[in-house]
């Protein structure tokens, strides 16, 4: 199971750090991703990190502002979000891809967290 946390209500330009803690199963060898879904929109890719943490990939909309990282000793993945914008408002989900090498498509991910709300006011 994956448990996302750290969301909240912030102002534009602020920062938040999301966490995704795994339990019941280790995800240390799995690709981990963050996605988000705004009301009325499809779930969209945000960032992905490989199992060792030395390879990351970001959506263009967050590149340079968000940083994905992981601490395998804690079985936790993070998403540091800086310079937040109102258009970043969404429910953020973490996910684990246990079968492939990672993707920006949500369909290949096997485990999903419950989501954490991020609201950015202007």
C-alpha atoms as a PDB file:
ATOM      1  CA  UNK A   1       0.000   0.000   0.000  1.00  0.00           C
ATOM      2  CA  UNK A   2       1.052   3.557  -0.703  1.00  0.00           C
ATOM      3  CA  UNK A   3       0.120   6.493   1.489  1.00  0.00           C
ATOM      4  CA  UNK A   4       0.532   9.999   0.112  1.00  0.00           C
ATOM      5  CA  UNK A   5       0.664  12.980   2.440  1.00  0.00           C
ATOM      6  CA  UNK A   6       1.853  16.558   2.656  1.00  0.00           C
ATOM      7  CA  UNK A   7      -0.768  18.347   0.624  1.00  0.00           C
ATOM      8  CA  UNK A   8      -2.437  21.539   1.720  1.00  0.00           C
ATOM      9  CA  UNK A   9      -3.581  25.025   0.851  1.00  0.00           C
ATOM     10  CA  UNK A  10      -0.793  27.412  -0.103  1.00  0.00           C
ATOM     11  CA  UNK A  11      -0.345  30.665  -1.990  1.00  0.00           C
ATOM     12  CA  UNK A  12       1.229  31.027  -5.392  1.00  0.00           C
ATOM     13  CA  UNK A  13       4.998  30.969  -5.108  1.00  0.00           C
ATOM     14  CA  UNK A  14       5.014  28.811  -1.990  1.00  0.00           C
ATOM     15  CA  UNK A  15       6.491  25.345  -1.621  1.00  0.00           C
ATOM     16  CA  UNK A  16       5.193  21.989  -0.481  1.00  0.00           C
ATOM     17  CA  UNK A  17       6.811  18.622   0.000  1.00  0.00           C
ATOM     18  CA  UNK A  18       4.720  15.552  -0.652  1.00  0.00           C
ATOM     19  CA  UNK A  19       5.624  12.168   0.757  1.00  0.00           C
ATOM     20  CA  UNK A  20       4.596   8.711  -0.347  1.00  0.00           C
ATOM     21  CA  UNK A  21       5.209   6.026   2.239  1.00  0.00           C
ATOM     22  CA  UNK A  22       4.952   2.365   1.376  1.00  0.00           C
ATOM     23  CA  UNK A  23       3.775  -0.332   3.717  1.00  0.00           C
ATOM     24  CA  UNK A  24       3.078  -4.011   3.465  1.00  0.00           C
ATOM     25  CA  UNK A  25       5.452  -4.368   0.559  1.00  0.00           C
ATOM     26  CA  UNK A  26       8.829  -2.946  -0.297  1.00  0.00           C
ATOM     27  CA  UNK A  27       9.023  -0.779  -3.383  1.00  0.00           C
ATOM     28  CA  UNK A  28      12.760  -0.301  -3.192  1.00  0.00           C
ATOM     29  CA  UNK A  29      13.302  -1.990  -6.555  1.00  0.00           C
ATOM     30  CA  UNK A  30      10.382  -0.352  -8.326  1.00  0.00           C
ATOM     31  CA  UNK A  31       9.965   2.698 -10.458  1.00  0.00           C
ATOM     32  CA  UNK A  32       7.886   5.286  -8.646  1.00  0.00           C
ATOM     33  CA  UNK A  33       5.839   8.069 -10.137  1.00  0.00           C
ATOM     34  CA  UNK A  34       3.743  11.047  -9.166  1.00  0.00           C
ATOM     35  CA  UNK A  35       0.575  11.975 -11.031  1.00  0.00           C
ATOM     36  CA  UNK A  36      -2.083  14.582 -10.469  1.00  0.00           C
ATOM     37  CA  UNK A  37      -5.699  15.069 -11.341  1.00  0.00           C
ATOM     38  CA  UNK A  38      -7.553  18.332 -11.366  1.00  0.00           C
ATOM     39  CA  UNK A  39     -11.371  18.495 -11.266  1.00  0.00           C
ATOM     40  CA  UNK A  40     -12.846  17.609 -14.628  1.00  0.00           C
ATOM     41  CA  UNK A  41      -9.504  16.617 -16.091  1.00  0.00           C
ATOM     42  CA  UNK A  42      -7.722  13.370 -16.747  1.00  0.00           C
ATOM     43  CA  UNK A  43      -4.950  12.147 -14.506  1.00  0.00           C
ATOM     44  CA  UNK A  44      -1.664  13.521 -15.762  1.00  0.00           C
ATOM     45  CA  UNK A  45       1.937  12.582 -15.305  1.00  0.00           C
ATOM     46  CA  UNK A  46       4.118  14.737 -13.065  1.00  0.00           C
ATOM     47  CA  UNK A  47       7.408  12.932 -12.412  1.00  0.00           C
ATOM     48  CA  UNK A  48       9.025   9.511 -12.280  1.00  0.00           C
ATOM     49  CA  UNK A  49      12.131   8.111 -10.609  1.00  0.00           C
ATOM     50  CA  UNK A  50      13.945   4.846 -11.102  1.00  0.00           C
ATOM     51  CA  UNK A  51      14.635   2.409  -8.305  1.00  0.00           C
ATOM     52  CA  UNK A  52      18.076   3.755  -7.432  1.00  0.00           C
ATOM     53  CA  UNK A  53      17.097   7.394  -7.656  1.00  0.00           C
ATOM     54  CA  UNK A  54      19.740   8.316 -10.211  1.00  0.00           C
ATOM     55  CA  UNK A  55      17.312   8.788 -13.089  1.00  0.00           C
ATOM     56  CA  UNK A  56      14.320  11.111 -13.105  1.00  0.00           C
ATOM     57  CA  UNK A  57      11.942  12.531 -15.665  1.00  0.00           C
ATOM     58  CA  UNK A  58       9.451  15.376 -15.413  1.00  0.00           C
ATOM     59  CA  UNK A  59       6.480  16.762 -17.212  1.00  0.00           C
ATOM     60  CA  UNK A  60       7.332  19.982 -19.002  1.00  0.00           C
ATOM     61  CA  UNK A  61       4.814  21.852 -16.875  1.00  0.00           C
ATOM     62  CA  UNK A  62       6.763  21.164 -13.658  1.00  0.00           C
ATOM     63  CA  UNK A  63      10.335  20.899 -14.912  1.00  0.00           C
ATOM     64  CA  UNK A  64      12.646  23.163 -12.952  1.00  0.00           C
ATOM     65  CA  UNK A  65      10.107  23.634 -10.148  1.00  0.00           C
ATOM     66  CA  UNK A  66       9.454  20.100  -8.869  1.00  0.00           C
ATOM     67  CA  UNK A  67      11.969  17.511  -7.712  1.00  0.00           C
ATOM     68  CA  UNK A  68      11.256  13.834  -7.190  1.00  0.00           C
ATOM     69  CA  UNK A  69      13.475  11.844  -4.849  1.00  0.00           C
ATOM     70  CA  UNK A  70      13.387   8.679  -2.823  1.00  0.00           C
ATOM     71  CA  UNK A  71      14.774   7.192   0.354  1.00  0.00           C
ATOM     72  CA  UNK A  72      14.773   3.442  -0.086  1.00  0.00           C
ATOM     73  CA  UNK A  73      15.807   2.876   3.503  1.00  0.00           C
ATOM     74  CA  UNK A  74      12.519   4.492   4.514  1.00  0.00           C
ATOM     75  CA  UNK A  75      10.542   3.042   1.596  1.00  0.00           C
ATOM     76  CA  UNK A  76       9.420   6.587   0.823  1.00  0.00           C
ATOM     77  CA  UNK A  77       9.256   8.778  -2.266  1.00  0.00           C
ATOM     78  CA  UNK A  78       9.083  12.566  -2.151  1.00  0.00           C
ATOM     79  CA  UNK A  79       7.939  15.350  -4.419  1.00  0.00           C
ATOM     80  CA  UNK A  80       9.384  18.742  -3.587  1.00  0.00           C
ATOM     81  CA  UNK A  81       7.237  21.393  -5.213  1.00  0.00           C
ATOM     82  CA  UNK A  82       8.565  24.946  -5.433  1.00  0.00           C
ATOM     83  CA  UNK A  83       7.203  28.083  -7.050  1.00  0.00           C
ATOM     84  CA  UNK A  84       3.709  26.644  -6.982  1.00  0.00           C
ATOM     85  CA  UNK A  85       1.140  28.043  -9.376  1.00  0.00           C
ATOM     86  CA  UNK A  86      -2.669  27.980  -9.260  1.00  0.00           C
ATOM     87  CA  UNK A  87      -2.607  25.546 -12.187  1.00  0.00           C
ATOM     88  CA  UNK A  88      -0.785  23.050  -9.966  1.00  0.00           C
ATOM     89  CA  UNK A  89      -3.987  22.646  -7.971  1.00  0.00           C
ATOM     90  CA  UNK A  90      -4.975  18.983  -8.072  1.00  0.00           C
ATOM     91  CA  UNK A  91      -5.096  15.755  -6.144  1.00  0.00           C
ATOM     92  CA  UNK A  92      -1.616  14.271  -6.255  1.00  0.00           C
ATOM     93  CA  UNK A  93      -1.118  10.530  -6.404  1.00  0.00           C
ATOM     94  CA  UNK A  94       1.958   8.391  -6.040  1.00  0.00           C
ATOM     95  CA  UNK A  95       2.212   5.128  -7.896  1.00  0.00           C
ATOM     96  CA  UNK A  96       4.514   2.148  -8.276  1.00  0.00           C
ATOM     97  CA  UNK A  97       5.440   0.451 -11.511  1.00  0.00           C
ATOM     98  CA  UNK A  98       6.635  -3.035 -10.629  1.00  0.00           C
ATOM     99  CA  UNK A  99       6.748  -4.621 -14.058  1.00  0.00           C
ATOM    100  CA  UNK A 100       8.237  -2.134 -16.505  1.00  0.00           C
ATOM    101  CA  UNK A 101      10.951   0.484 -16.617  1.00  0.00           C
ATOM    102  CA  UNK A 102       8.760   3.449 -15.902  1.00  0.00           C
ATOM    103  CA  UNK A 103       6.426   5.500 -18.000  1.00  0.00           C
ATOM    104  CA  UNK A 104       4.480   8.721 -18.130  1.00  0.00           C
ATOM    105  CA  UNK A 105       1.327   6.700 -18.768  1.00  0.00           C
ATOM    106  CA  UNK A 106      -0.731   5.954 -15.675  1.00  0.00           C
ATOM    107  CA  UNK A 107      -1.939   2.693 -17.187  1.00  0.00           C
ATOM    108  CA  UNK A 108       1.339   0.865 -16.568  1.00  0.00           C
ATOM    109  CA  UNK A 109       1.413   1.547 -12.847  1.00  0.00           C
ATOM    110  CA  UNK A 110       0.337  -1.246 -10.572  1.00  0.00           C
ATOM    111  CA  UNK A 111      -0.075   0.308  -7.141  1.00  0.00           C
ATOM    112  CA  UNK A 112      -1.619   3.664  -6.305  1.00  0.00           C
ATOM    113  CA  UNK A 113      -1.829   5.775  -3.196  1.00  0.00           C
ATOM    114  CA  UNK A 114      -5.053   7.433  -2.116  1.00  0.00           C
ATOM    115  CA  UNK A 115      -4.054  10.945  -3.159  1.00  0.00           C
ATOM    116  CA  UNK A 116      -3.378  14.174  -1.324  1.00  0.00           C
ATOM    117  CA  UNK A 117      -5.008  17.506  -2.194  1.00  0.00           C
ATOM    118  CA  UNK A 118      -2.843  20.432  -3.201  1.00  0.00           C
ATOM    119  CA  UNK A 119      -4.562  23.780  -3.582  1.00  0.00           C
ATOM    120  CA  UNK A 120      -2.669  26.844  -4.731  1.00  0.00           C
ATOM    121  CA  UNK A 121      -4.384  30.199  -4.412  1.00  0.00           C
ATOM    122  CA  UNK A 122      -3.469  33.190  -6.539  1.00  0.00           C
END
